[in-house]
Structures are given as C-alpha cells and as structure tokens.
Protein backbone atom coordinates (compact mmCIF):
# COMPACT_ATOMS: atom_id res chain seq x y z
CA MET A 1 0.48 210.30 132.53
CA ALA A 2 3.54 208.14 133.50
CA LEU A 3 1.70 206.53 136.56
CA ARG A 4 -1.27 205.37 134.17
CA GLN A 5 1.18 203.99 131.67
CA PHE A 6 3.05 202.23 134.66
CA CYS A 7 -0.34 200.65 135.82
CA ASN A 8 -1.35 199.47 132.35
CA ARG A 9 2.03 197.45 131.80
CA LYS A 10 1.55 195.84 135.27
CA VAL A 11 -2.18 194.61 134.36
CA LEU A 12 -1.05 193.41 130.98
CA ALA A 13 1.88 191.49 132.47
CA LEU A 14 -0.42 189.78 134.93
CA VAL A 15 -2.92 188.90 132.37
CA GLY A 16 -0.11 187.38 130.31
CA LEU A 17 1.01 185.31 133.39
CA VAL A 18 -2.42 183.89 134.25
CA GLY A 19 -3.05 182.97 130.56
CA GLY A 20 0.44 180.84 130.39
CA VAL A 21 -0.64 179.25 133.61
CA LEU A 22 -3.97 177.93 132.14
CA LEU A 23 -2.56 177.22 128.60
CA VAL A 24 0.04 174.65 130.63
CA ALA A 25 -2.80 173.25 132.53
CA LEU A 26 -4.92 172.42 129.56
CA LEU A 27 -1.75 170.75 127.86
CA ILE A 28 -1.28 168.49 130.77
CA PHE A 29 -5.24 167.74 131.05
CA LEU A 30 -5.47 166.76 127.47
CA SER A 31 -2.13 164.71 127.42
CA GLU A 32 -2.11 160.86 127.19
CA GLY A 33 -0.15 158.54 129.51
CA PRO A 34 2.22 156.57 128.19
CA ALA A 35 0.97 153.38 126.32
CA HIS A 36 1.25 150.45 128.22
CA ASN A 37 0.21 147.12 126.88
CA GLU A 38 -0.18 144.55 129.71
CA ALA A 39 -0.86 141.88 127.25
CA ASN A 40 2.73 141.97 125.58
CA SER A 41 4.54 142.37 128.95
CA PRO A 42 6.41 139.21 129.77
CA PRO A 43 5.04 137.01 132.80
CA GLN A 44 6.49 137.85 136.39
CA PRO A 45 7.41 134.69 138.26
CA MET A 46 5.89 134.21 141.57
CA THR A 47 5.48 131.92 144.46
CA VAL A 48 2.20 130.83 145.12
CA ILE A 49 0.38 128.21 147.70
CA GLU A 50 -2.78 126.48 147.98
CA VAL A 51 -5.05 127.60 150.83
CA GLN A 52 -6.69 124.96 152.76
CA PRO A 53 -7.99 124.95 156.09
CA VAL A 54 -5.73 123.70 158.70
CA PRO A 55 -5.74 122.77 162.49
CA PHE A 56 -4.99 125.78 164.57
CA VAL A 57 -3.61 126.30 167.92
CA LEU A 58 -4.98 129.45 169.55
CA ALA A 59 -2.47 130.95 171.49
CA ALA A 60 -2.57 133.78 174.37
CA ARG A 61 -0.29 135.65 176.76
CA GLY A 62 -0.60 137.54 179.65
CA PHE A 63 1.74 139.17 182.26
CA GLY A 64 1.09 139.18 186.24
CA ILE A 65 2.80 138.79 189.50
CA THR A 66 2.99 135.42 191.57
CA ARG A 67 1.50 134.91 194.81
CA PRO A 68 1.00 131.78 196.97
CA VAL A 69 -2.23 130.26 197.19
CA GLN A 70 -2.60 130.12 200.93
CA THR A 71 -1.33 132.71 203.36
CA TRP A 72 -1.38 132.44 207.09
CA GLN A 73 -1.39 135.63 209.08
CA ALA A 74 -0.88 134.43 212.79
CA VAL A 75 -2.60 136.25 215.12
CA ALA A 76 -2.88 136.30 218.75
CA ASN A 77 -6.41 135.37 220.00
CA VAL A 78 -5.39 135.24 223.60
CA ALA A 79 -2.85 137.48 225.32
CA GLY A 80 0.54 136.02 226.97
CA ARG A 81 4.46 136.19 227.08
CA VAL A 82 6.19 134.33 224.39
CA VAL A 83 7.50 131.25 226.22
CA GLN A 84 8.91 129.53 223.17
CA ARG A 85 9.86 130.55 219.65
CA HIS A 86 11.08 127.92 217.09
CA PRO A 87 14.88 128.73 216.35
CA GLU A 88 14.23 128.55 212.45
CA LEU A 89 11.01 130.97 212.80
CA ASN A 90 13.11 133.76 210.60
CA SER A 91 12.00 135.39 207.46
CA GLY A 92 12.73 132.92 204.16
CA THR A 93 12.71 129.56 206.37
CA LEU A 94 10.94 126.52 204.95
CA LEU A 95 9.11 124.62 207.59
CA PRO A 96 7.02 121.18 207.52
CA ALA A 97 3.11 120.81 208.50
CA GLY A 98 2.87 120.12 212.15
CA THR A 99 5.95 122.15 213.17
CA LEU A 100 5.31 123.95 216.75
CA LEU A 101 6.64 127.41 215.66
CA LEU A 102 5.38 129.68 218.97
CA THR A 103 4.11 129.19 222.27
CA LEU A 104 2.64 131.89 224.72
CA ASP A 105 2.27 131.29 228.40
CA PRO A 106 -0.42 128.88 228.99
CA ALA A 107 -0.25 129.22 232.86
CA ARG A 108 -3.33 131.58 233.11
CA TYR A 109 -5.53 129.25 230.77
CA GLN A 110 -4.45 126.15 232.86
CA LEU A 111 -5.73 127.66 235.98
CA THR A 112 -8.90 128.64 234.50
CA ILE A 113 -9.33 125.23 233.27
CA ALA A 114 -8.66 123.86 236.68
CA GLU A 115 -10.71 126.06 238.62
CA THR A 116 -13.78 125.36 236.20
CA GLU A 117 -13.34 121.59 236.56
CA ALA A 118 -13.45 121.94 240.15
CA GLU A 119 -16.66 123.90 239.77
CA LEU A 120 -18.36 120.91 237.73
CA ALA A 121 -17.16 118.64 240.41
CA SER A 122 -18.84 120.61 243.16
CA LEU A 123 -22.03 120.76 240.79
CA ALA A 124 -21.87 116.99 239.87
CA ALA A 125 -21.95 116.47 243.66
CA GLU A 126 -24.89 118.66 244.45
CA GLN A 127 -26.58 116.90 241.53
CA ALA A 128 -26.10 113.61 243.38
CA GLN A 129 -27.50 114.76 246.54
CA LEU A 130 -30.72 116.33 245.00
CA GLU A 131 -31.22 112.92 243.26
CA VAL A 132 -30.94 111.19 246.60
CA GLU A 133 -33.08 114.10 248.04
CA THR A 134 -35.78 113.46 245.52
CA GLN A 135 -35.94 109.74 246.17
CA ASN A 136 -36.22 110.28 249.96
CA THR A 137 -38.83 112.74 249.45
CA ARG A 138 -40.96 110.44 247.28
CA HIS A 139 -40.52 107.69 249.90
CA LEU A 140 -41.48 109.74 252.68
CA LEU A 141 -44.38 111.03 250.98
CA GLN A 142 -45.56 107.38 249.65
CA LEU A 143 -45.14 106.81 253.62
CA GLU A 144 -47.28 109.79 254.74
CA ARG A 145 -50.04 109.06 252.27
CA GLU A 146 -50.52 105.84 253.85
CA ARG A 147 -50.79 107.10 257.26
CA LEU A 148 -53.16 109.68 256.07
CA LYS A 149 -55.30 106.98 254.61
CA LEU A 150 -55.30 105.26 258.03
CA SER A 151 -56.10 108.63 259.83
CA GLU A 152 -59.08 109.42 257.44
CA GLY A 153 -60.33 105.77 257.88
CA GLU A 154 -60.03 106.15 261.78
CA LEU A 155 -62.16 109.59 261.48
CA SER A 156 -64.91 107.96 259.63
CA ARG A 157 -65.22 105.25 262.19
CA ILE A 158 -65.29 107.38 264.97
CA GLU A 159 -68.36 109.58 263.49
CA ARG A 160 -70.29 106.32 263.07
CA LEU A 161 -69.70 105.58 266.76
CA LEU A 162 -70.55 109.23 267.68
CA LYS A 163 -73.94 108.55 266.34
CA THR A 164 -74.49 105.72 268.47
CA GLY A 165 -73.17 107.53 271.63
CA SER A 166 -70.18 104.91 271.79
CA VAL A 167 -67.41 108.35 271.96
CA SER A 168 -67.72 111.73 272.99
CA GLN A 169 -67.37 114.56 270.80
CA SER A 170 -63.96 115.52 272.20
CA HIS A 171 -62.56 112.30 270.84
CA LEU A 172 -64.16 112.99 267.50
CA ASP A 173 -62.66 116.62 267.48
CA GLU A 174 -59.10 115.19 268.53
CA GLN A 175 -59.17 112.90 265.48
CA ARG A 176 -60.17 115.42 263.04
CA ARG A 177 -57.08 117.63 264.29
CA ALA A 178 -55.02 114.91 263.71
CA THR A 179 -56.33 114.05 260.22
CA LEU A 180 -55.75 117.72 259.36
CA ALA A 181 -52.20 117.82 260.65
CA GLN A 182 -51.51 114.57 258.39
CA ARG A 183 -53.29 116.25 255.46
CA GLN A 184 -51.10 119.22 255.89
CA LEU A 185 -47.63 117.13 255.96
CA VAL A 186 -48.50 115.31 253.01
CA GLN A 187 -49.34 118.56 251.12
CA SER A 188 -46.22 119.84 252.31
CA LEU A 189 -44.02 116.90 251.09
CA ASP A 190 -46.05 117.13 248.00
CA ASN A 191 -45.11 120.66 247.37
CA GLN A 192 -41.37 120.11 248.08
CA LEU A 193 -41.40 117.35 245.69
CA SER A 194 -42.77 119.74 242.99
CA LEU A 195 -39.70 122.25 243.55
CA LEU A 196 -36.94 119.56 243.34
CA PRO A 197 -37.34 119.75 239.30
CA SER A 198 -36.69 123.63 239.20
CA LYS A 199 -33.56 122.98 241.23
CA GLN A 200 -32.62 120.21 238.93
CA GLN A 201 -33.02 122.22 235.87
CA TYR A 202 -30.81 125.24 237.80
CA LEU A 203 -28.28 122.80 238.54
CA ASP A 204 -27.97 121.70 234.76
CA ALA A 205 -27.85 125.39 233.79
CA GLN A 206 -24.86 125.71 236.19
CA ILE A 207 -23.12 122.70 234.71
CA GLN A 208 -23.66 123.89 231.17
CA ARG A 209 -22.44 127.15 231.87
CA ALA A 210 -19.21 125.73 233.40
CA ASN A 211 -18.83 123.27 230.49
CA THR A 212 -18.79 126.34 228.14
CA ARG A 213 -16.18 127.98 230.15
CA LEU A 214 -14.33 124.79 230.33
CA GLU A 215 -14.61 124.52 226.57
CA GLN A 216 -13.63 128.08 226.30
CA GLY A 217 -10.67 127.43 228.41
CA HIS A 218 -9.35 124.67 226.36
CA GLN A 219 -9.65 126.87 223.24
CA ASP A 220 -7.65 129.53 224.98
CA LEU A 221 -5.11 127.04 226.09
CA GLU A 222 -5.11 125.69 222.26
CA ASP A 223 -4.81 129.27 221.08
CA THR A 224 -1.52 129.60 223.06
CA ARG A 225 0.20 127.17 220.74
CA PHE A 226 0.97 128.11 216.97
CA ILE A 227 1.38 124.85 214.81
CA ALA A 228 2.35 125.08 211.12
CA PRO A 229 -1.00 123.69 209.40
CA TYR A 230 0.78 123.18 205.94
CA ASP A 231 4.29 123.35 204.46
CA LEU A 232 4.99 126.77 204.57
CA ARG A 233 7.85 129.59 204.16
CA ILE A 234 8.11 132.35 206.80
CA ARG A 235 7.52 135.85 205.37
CA THR A 236 7.89 137.98 208.34
CA VAL A 237 8.16 137.69 212.07
CA GLU A 238 6.99 140.59 214.44
CA VAL A 239 7.55 138.99 217.75
CA GLU A 240 10.60 137.81 219.92
CA GLU A 241 10.89 135.23 222.84
CA HIS A 242 9.77 136.66 226.08
CA GLN A 243 7.91 139.49 224.49
CA TYR A 244 4.10 140.09 225.58
CA ALA A 245 1.55 139.43 222.85
CA GLY A 246 -1.91 141.35 223.34
CA ILE A 247 -5.11 140.11 221.85
CA GLY A 248 -5.01 140.53 218.10
CA GLN A 249 -1.33 141.32 217.76
CA SER A 250 0.15 140.03 214.48
CA LEU A 251 2.92 137.43 215.08
CA PHE A 252 4.37 136.40 212.09
CA LEU A 253 3.23 135.85 208.41
CA ALA A 254 3.58 132.69 206.32
CA ASP A 255 3.09 131.35 202.85
CA GLY A 256 1.83 128.09 201.91
CA ILE A 257 4.33 126.23 199.54
CA GLU A 258 2.02 123.49 198.23
CA GLN A 259 0.62 125.65 195.46
CA ALA A 260 1.11 129.01 193.84
CA GLU A 261 -0.90 131.03 191.49
CA VAL A 262 -0.87 134.02 189.04
CA GLU A 263 -3.36 136.56 187.94
CA ALA A 264 -2.49 137.00 184.38
CA GLN A 265 -3.72 140.03 182.37
CA VAL A 266 -4.74 138.84 179.30
CA PRO A 267 -5.89 141.13 175.96
CA LEU A 268 -9.64 140.97 175.57
CA THR A 269 -9.11 139.70 171.85
CA MET A 270 -7.03 136.90 172.93
CA LEU A 271 -9.22 135.95 175.87
CA ARG A 272 -12.00 135.94 173.64
CA ARG A 273 -10.59 133.38 171.58
CA LEU A 274 -9.50 131.05 174.46
CA MET A 275 -12.91 131.32 175.67
CA LYS A 276 -14.57 130.30 172.85
CA ALA A 277 -12.19 127.27 172.56
CA VAL A 278 -13.19 126.35 176.04
CA SER A 279 -16.85 126.85 175.84
CA ARG A 280 -19.08 123.76 175.93
CA PRO A 281 -22.43 123.79 173.67
CA VAL A 282 -25.33 124.14 176.36
CA ASP A 283 -29.09 124.33 176.31
CA SER A 284 -30.50 127.47 175.75
CA GLN A 285 -32.67 127.28 178.92
CA GLY A 286 -29.49 127.18 180.91
CA SER A 287 -29.08 129.74 183.63
CA ALA A 288 -26.21 132.21 184.45
CA LEU A 289 -25.43 130.33 187.22
CA ASP A 290 -24.05 127.26 185.21
CA ILE A 291 -21.61 129.17 183.41
CA THR A 292 -18.80 127.14 185.32
CA GLU A 293 -20.29 123.97 183.64
CA ARG A 294 -19.85 125.69 180.36
CA LEU A 295 -16.25 126.38 180.56
CA ASP A 296 -13.77 123.41 180.23
CA PHE A 297 -10.50 125.03 181.38
CA SER A 298 -8.52 121.82 181.14
CA VAL A 299 -8.61 122.10 177.28
CA ILE A 300 -6.08 125.10 177.91
CA ARG A 301 -2.55 124.27 178.04
CA SER A 302 -0.44 127.06 179.98
CA GLU A 303 2.86 127.50 181.59
CA VAL A 304 4.46 130.27 183.11
CA GLU A 305 7.63 131.97 181.98
CA LEU A 306 9.99 134.06 184.20
CA THR A 307 10.17 137.48 182.43
CA GLY A 308 13.70 138.25 180.67
CA PHE A 309 14.61 134.53 181.02
CA PRO A 310 12.60 132.56 178.23
CA ALA A 311 14.37 129.08 179.57
CA VAL A 312 12.94 129.33 182.82
CA ARG A 313 9.16 127.75 182.82
CA TRP A 314 6.87 125.92 185.00
CA PRO A 315 3.96 124.05 183.84
CA ALA A 316 0.58 125.63 185.12
CA SER A 317 -3.12 125.02 184.84
CA VAL A 318 -5.92 127.52 184.34
CA THR A 319 -8.06 127.59 187.60
CA ARG A 320 -10.44 130.30 186.69
CA VAL A 321 -11.35 133.68 185.26
CA ALA A 322 -11.62 136.44 187.67
CA SER A 323 -14.40 138.80 187.64
CA GLY A 324 -14.32 142.14 185.96
CA LEU A 325 -11.45 143.89 184.19
CA ASP A 326 -8.09 145.29 185.44
CA PRO A 327 -8.95 148.97 185.90
CA GLY A 328 -5.50 150.01 184.52
CA THR A 329 -5.48 147.87 181.53
CA ARG A 330 -9.00 147.11 180.96
CA SER A 331 -7.62 143.39 180.29
CA GLY A 332 -9.16 139.81 181.31
CA ARG A 333 -7.77 138.44 184.50
CA VAL A 334 -7.08 134.88 183.92
CA VAL A 335 -5.70 132.85 186.99
CA VAL A 336 -3.35 129.83 186.74
CA THR A 337 -1.94 127.43 189.56
CA VAL A 338 1.41 125.97 189.62
CA ASP A 339 1.50 122.68 191.82
CA GLN A 340 4.55 122.02 194.05
CA PRO A 341 6.58 125.40 192.93
CA TYR A 342 9.50 124.87 195.34
CA SER A 343 9.90 121.32 194.50
CA LEU A 344 10.55 121.99 190.87
CA ALA A 345 13.48 124.29 191.60
CA ARG A 346 16.48 123.42 189.97
CA LEU A 347 19.46 126.06 191.24
CA PRO A 348 20.88 128.06 189.51
CA GLU A 349 19.01 126.97 186.35
CA ARG A 350 15.59 127.68 187.68
CA PRO A 351 14.82 129.16 190.93
CA ALA A 352 12.06 128.50 193.03
CA PHE A 353 8.56 129.68 192.17
CA GLN A 354 7.98 132.13 194.93
CA ARG A 355 6.03 135.25 195.61
CA ASP A 356 6.45 138.47 193.43
CA MET A 357 7.91 137.34 190.55
CA HIS A 358 6.94 139.20 187.50
CA VAL A 359 6.02 136.32 184.88
CA GLN A 360 4.54 135.83 181.69
CA VAL A 361 1.77 133.30 181.12
CA ASN A 362 1.46 131.36 177.90
CA PHE A 363 -1.83 129.86 176.81
CA ALA A 364 -2.62 127.40 174.19
CA ALA A 365 -5.79 125.78 173.17
CA ASP A 366 -6.94 123.82 169.96
CA SER A 367 -9.44 125.64 167.80
CA SER A 368 -12.65 123.70 167.44
CA GLU A 369 -12.40 123.73 163.84
CA PRO A 370 -10.01 124.09 160.92
CA LEU A 371 -9.02 127.66 160.06
CA LEU A 372 -8.11 129.53 156.75
CA ALA A 373 -4.37 130.90 157.48
CA VAL A 374 -2.18 132.51 155.12
CA PRO A 375 1.27 134.55 155.73
CA SER A 376 0.70 137.94 157.30
CA SER A 377 2.82 139.33 154.57
CA ALA A 378 0.37 138.21 152.00
CA VAL A 379 -2.21 140.65 153.31
CA HIS A 380 -1.63 143.84 151.65
CA GLN A 381 -3.74 146.64 153.52
CA GLY A 382 -6.95 144.50 153.49
CA GLU A 383 -6.40 142.88 150.33
CA ILE A 384 -4.88 139.73 148.66
CA TYR A 385 -3.50 138.80 145.31
CA LEU A 386 -4.61 135.45 143.95
CA LEU A 387 -3.68 133.52 140.74
CA ALA A 388 -6.92 133.55 138.53
CA GLU A 389 -7.61 131.59 135.48
CA GLY A 390 -5.16 131.95 132.67
CA ASN A 391 -2.30 132.68 135.37
CA LEU A 392 -3.34 136.07 135.72
CA LEU A 393 -3.18 138.38 139.02
CA GLN A 394 -6.57 139.13 140.73
CA ARG A 395 -6.89 141.54 143.78
CA ARG A 396 -9.49 140.90 146.42
CA PRO A 397 -10.30 142.31 149.78
CA VAL A 398 -10.59 139.82 152.47
CA THR A 399 -11.50 140.27 156.19
CA VAL A 400 -8.83 139.13 158.74
CA ALA A 401 -10.09 137.64 161.97
CA PHE A 402 -6.78 137.89 163.73
CA GLU A 403 -3.10 137.47 163.21
CA GLN A 404 -0.82 135.08 165.42
CA ASN A 405 2.50 133.73 164.98
CA GLY A 406 3.18 135.49 161.41
CA LEU A 407 -0.26 134.06 160.05
CA ALA A 408 -3.67 135.81 159.23
CA VAL A 409 -6.79 134.05 159.94
CA ILE A 410 -9.26 134.90 157.35
CA GLU A 411 -12.81 135.26 158.23
CA SER A 412 -14.04 136.01 154.52
CA GLY A 413 -13.02 136.70 151.26
CA LEU A 414 -10.81 133.33 150.48
CA VAL A 415 -12.23 130.21 149.64
CA ALA A 416 -10.39 126.81 150.10
CA GLY A 417 -8.54 125.46 147.44
CA GLU A 418 -7.59 128.94 145.93
CA LEU A 419 -4.04 129.85 144.79
CA LEU A 420 -2.72 132.62 146.78
CA ILE A 421 0.41 134.63 145.56
CA THR A 422 2.70 135.15 148.38
CA ASP A 423 5.14 137.73 146.63
CA ASP A 424 4.56 141.47 146.83
CA PRO A 425 5.10 142.90 143.11
CA VAL A 426 5.26 146.28 142.63
CA PRO A 427 2.92 147.51 141.06
CA ALA A 428 0.34 144.70 141.66
CA VAL A 429 -1.90 145.27 138.38
CA THR A 430 -5.22 143.26 138.14
CA GLY A 431 -4.78 141.10 135.05
CA MET A 432 -0.92 140.80 134.81
CA LYS A 433 0.50 137.75 133.54
CA VAL A 434 2.24 135.54 136.56
CA ALA A 435 4.34 132.62 136.09
CA PRO A 436 3.60 130.75 139.25
CA HIS A 437 5.97 128.28 141.10
CA ARG A 438 3.57 126.44 143.83
CA ASP A 439 5.99 126.28 147.16
CA LEU A 440 5.17 122.78 148.89
CA ASP A 441 7.60 123.52 151.77
CA LEU A 442 6.18 126.91 152.50
CA GLU A 443 2.63 125.13 152.82
CA GLN A 444 4.07 122.55 155.30
CA HIS A 445 5.72 125.32 157.38
CA LEU A 446 2.28 127.35 157.53
CA ARG A 447 0.78 124.17 158.69
CA GLN A 448 3.64 123.87 161.35
CA LEU A 449 3.16 127.91 162.56
CA ALA A 450 -0.54 126.92 163.01
CA LEU A 451 0.15 124.34 165.37
CA GLY A 452 2.31 126.79 167.20
CA ALA A 453 5.81 125.94 165.95
CA ALA A 454 8.45 128.99 166.35
CA GLN A 455 8.40 131.07 163.07
C-alpha cells in the first residue's frame, strides 16, 4: 500500500514538471521581440568610396634555388698523367675564358700523329710510283700495238706471196707465231693497265684510313688540354698534378658566371593570372606548337629577392615556363634568368648571385583591362555594403576573383559608379540610415595599391 502511494506521487511530480516546461516554451514562442523602429533611429556616419575600374598590376611570387645556366663537367676523353695544373684551379676560384686549366701527358698522342704522318708519306710515294707506272704502261702498250699492226700487215703480205709460190710454208708459220706472240704481249699489257685503277683505289682507301687516324690523333692531342670555354667559377676539383687519369674519369666541375637562373615554384592561381596577361590573341586554327609565339614573356617584370633579406635584389627576366608541375607542391615552375650575376655583387650589401641560394622571385604584369578593386576589409563573408538611394545601407553578395595587396578584385555583383561602404557597422541592417562621408584620399590610395604600391 505504501509502495503504491509512493509511485503515484512520483508520477504526479513528473507530469507536473513536464507541464511546466511546456508552458514556459509556449510563452517564449508567443512572446514578441522588442520593438525596433529603424525609421526613427539616427543615421550612422560611415565612410564611402566610389567604385571605378582602375589600371591593375597583377603580381605573383614564387620560391626557388639559384643555379648556373651553364655547368662544365670536365671528363677525361683520353688517358694520361696530369703534367700541368693551373695554380688557381681550386674550389671557388673565378677564371676567365681561354685559361688553360689542366694538361694531360701528350707524348703518346704526339707519337701516334708522327707515326701516322710517316705512313701517309709512304702511301703518297706509292701513289706517285703507281702514277708513273700507269703512264709507262700506257706508252708501252701504244708501242706494242703499233708493232702488232706491223706484224699483222707482214702476215697478210706473206699469205698473198704463198699463193704465188714466192715464199715457203715454213716462212708463213714463223710469221704467224711472231704475230701471235705480239698479240699476247699487247693483251698482257692491256690486262696490266686495267688492274692499275684497283691498285689506285686500294691506295686511296689506305690514305683515307691514315687520314682518319691522323685526325683522331689530333683530336686526342687536343683532348689532353682543358681550356675554359667561358668565364667560370670552379666548384670541385678531383685530380692532382702527376696523378694518372683514366678515360671517363671526372677531373673538375665548373659553373658559368655569365648567367644564372631560378626555377620558381609559383601557385597555380597566380600563374594563371600571369599567363592571361602575357597571352597574345591568336587564330583559332593555331597548332599546339605555336604556344611559344602566343606568350610574350617580355611584358612580365621580375626580380629575385634573397630570402630573409628583402633589400638584397637582382633584376631578372622570365625565360620560360618549365613543363609539368612540381610533384611536391603541385605549383607551376617559372624559370627566370639573371645576367652577369657576379658583376652585380656589392659586398657586403649585396653578395654575388651564386648557386644554391634560396630566393623569392617577384613577378608583375599589367592587366589587359582595368579591374574593379575594393579593400579586402570591405568584403564581409561574400557580401558588400552599398549606399543605396536615400542614404540607406544595402547588402549585396559579390564574387571575388582574387585578392592581392589588400585589395579584392570583384568579378560580379558590383557596378562601376556605385558607392561602397568601407566601414563595418554592427549590426549591418538593410535599410538602416547612413550619414555618408566620401574619402577621396582612400580612393587615391586604392589606385596606388592597384599599381603595386606598398600598403
């Protein structure tokens, strides 16, 4: 009995609690908010600017490692002992073009050249002898042919006399034997003369082979000398004087100092804007091979900045866009070139532009058309505040193409000539009264920012 009474009281208490919660919720739902009369509220002072298309300088940046445009890996094409090494052939040394850096022992190759030249002299003598032999054989053949003609004439005369009985048969047979012998001699000389051109061809082949060996010998002799092909800086040296160098052995490594380059990794969004600025209009029939003609890299202004030292800069020019994306960052690879990187050095303010420096590359190009640019702070989560008719605040969604240098370039949702509110009222209620103040100095500052001025 007591247990039943306890359960009944518990149920009644639970029903009362649920009923109280429902009553409070109903009162909250039916209650009205505080009255707010926007028409009676005083206008808020706000700064406005007139939006107009402005000339815009597209900017991009990327990071990369410096490297020389030309690198010389000196490798021994011939074997030999190092007989001469330039005293300044050491890592870090700058040497001008035409400097003899290293010499291998040339004696073996000089002997080979001398031997080949002697062989050529011998072949030339044989060739001269063959020419004389050819001329002599031709003259002798001419004489023997004339003798054959006389012998054949004598044979014909004896045959006629034999018919009249003036000569004996034995005399006729003797003349026939003499004529056959003469014919055989003429034929032999003719065969000998026909063989002489093949001997001449054999000698020509021998001379050509010897000339090839002589040219190879001169090339091998030239390969014993290592002369700087351009102004360079020695990076590493792997051979010492009196050391024997085998074929294919690396001797030293040098970098050209006339030009250096940087392969800068540029985010794809920035790279697309740059490529749009440098693209020329082309015929729709153009092939893929005409891409280099469609891009005018000369319109891009670029400079290289030493990372961590913004004041240390070098002028550069865009050379090309490397094929493919960087596998790590999935960014584009733009190659810029710096001319005479060492001549621009001014120690200690600006060091030489040498390999393996981590640098930032800054790019700038004029937009092909003016753009609508507003302060980035004036875009509030995809919306802007405009001054509508009657000095009332109007909220409007916009599409931002990109942001740069504190500016947001509006792609759609904003029309030139409209008045933009640059303040951030809280709350920003559509239709609220505004006391506008146009800031002409801010408009001028925005134009300077669009041209790339510092914020």
